[in-house]
Amino acid sequence: MEINSIILRHVKMKLLNPFTTSVGTEDKEFVLAELKSKGG
């Protein structure tokens, strides 16, 4: 498979029911990767 393009997105979302520690309130962070090949 030949990859024509790669799109990376860094996403940070507020949680509906966040949990809090002594450090602070946590959000959800993750990376989405989109790969496009010659076949679609």
C-alpha atoms as a PDB file:
ATOM      1  CA  MET A   1       0.000   0.000   0.000  1.00  0.00           C
ATOM      2  CA  GLU A   2       1.306   3.441  -0.955  1.00  0.00           C
ATOM      3  CA  ILE A   3       0.337   6.273   1.399  1.00  0.00           C
ATOM      4  CA  ASN A   4      -0.353   9.578  -0.375  1.00  0.00           C
ATOM      5  CA  SER A   5      -1.062  11.776   2.645  1.00  0.00           C
ATOM      6  CA  ILE A   6      -1.188  11.720   6.422  1.00  0.00           C
ATOM      7  CA  ILE A   7      -3.246  14.121   8.531  1.00  0.00           C
ATOM      8  CA  LEU A   8      -2.604  14.241  12.292  1.00  0.00           C
ATOM      9  CA  ARG A   9      -4.986  16.018  14.652  1.00  0.00           C
ATOM     10  CA  HIS A  10      -4.342  16.684  18.332  1.00  0.00           C
ATOM     11  CA  VAL A  11      -7.703  16.744  20.126  1.00  0.00           C
ATOM     12  CA  LYS A  12      -8.458  17.868  23.687  1.00  0.00           C
ATOM     13  CA  MET A  13     -11.976  17.323  25.004  1.00  0.00           C
ATOM     14  CA  LYS A  14     -13.662  18.328  28.242  1.00  0.00           C
ATOM     15  CA  LEU A  15     -15.188  15.302  29.968  1.00  0.00           C
ATOM     16  CA  LEU A  16     -18.903  15.304  30.865  1.00  0.00           C
ATOM     17  CA  ASN A  17     -18.060  13.872  34.284  1.00  0.00           C
ATOM     18  CA  PRO A  18     -14.447  14.893  34.917  1.00  0.00           C
ATOM     19  CA  PHE A  19     -12.471  13.564  37.852  1.00  0.00           C
ATOM     20  CA  THR A  20     -10.423  15.853  40.044  1.00  0.00           C
ATOM     21  CA  THR A  21      -7.192  14.997  41.831  1.00  0.00           C
ATOM     22  CA  SER A  22      -4.845  17.066  43.958  1.00  0.00           C
ATOM     23  CA  VAL A  23      -3.083  17.994  40.700  1.00  0.00           C
ATOM     24  CA  GLY A  24      -6.264  19.347  39.056  1.00  0.00           C
ATOM     25  CA  THR A  25      -9.115  18.363  36.749  1.00  0.00           C
ATOM     26  CA  GLU A  26      -8.257  16.077  33.836  1.00  0.00           C
ATOM     27  CA  ASP A  27      -9.329  16.518  30.193  1.00  0.00           C
ATOM     28  CA  LYS A  28      -9.116  13.783  27.567  1.00  0.00           C
ATOM     29  CA  GLU A  29      -6.292  14.280  25.043  1.00  0.00           C
ATOM     30  CA  PHE A  30      -5.571  12.069  22.056  1.00  0.00           C
ATOM     31  CA  VAL A  31      -4.184  12.067  18.520  1.00  0.00           C
ATOM     32  CA  LEU A  32      -6.289  11.147  15.468  1.00  0.00           C
ATOM     33  CA  ALA A  33      -4.458   9.902  12.388  1.00  0.00           C
ATOM     34  CA  GLU A  34      -6.001   9.906   8.897  1.00  0.00           C
ATOM     35  CA  LEU A  35      -4.112   8.075   6.158  1.00  0.00           C
ATOM     36  CA  LYS A  36      -5.040   8.302   2.477  1.00  0.00           C
ATOM     37  CA  SER A  37      -3.846   5.813  -0.080  1.00  0.00           C
ATOM     38  CA  LYS A  38      -4.084   5.647  -3.857  1.00  0.00           C
ATOM     39  CA  GLY A  39      -7.104   3.310  -3.598  1.00  0.00           C
ATOM     40  CA  GLY A  40      -9.099   5.705  -1.463  1.00  0.00           C
END
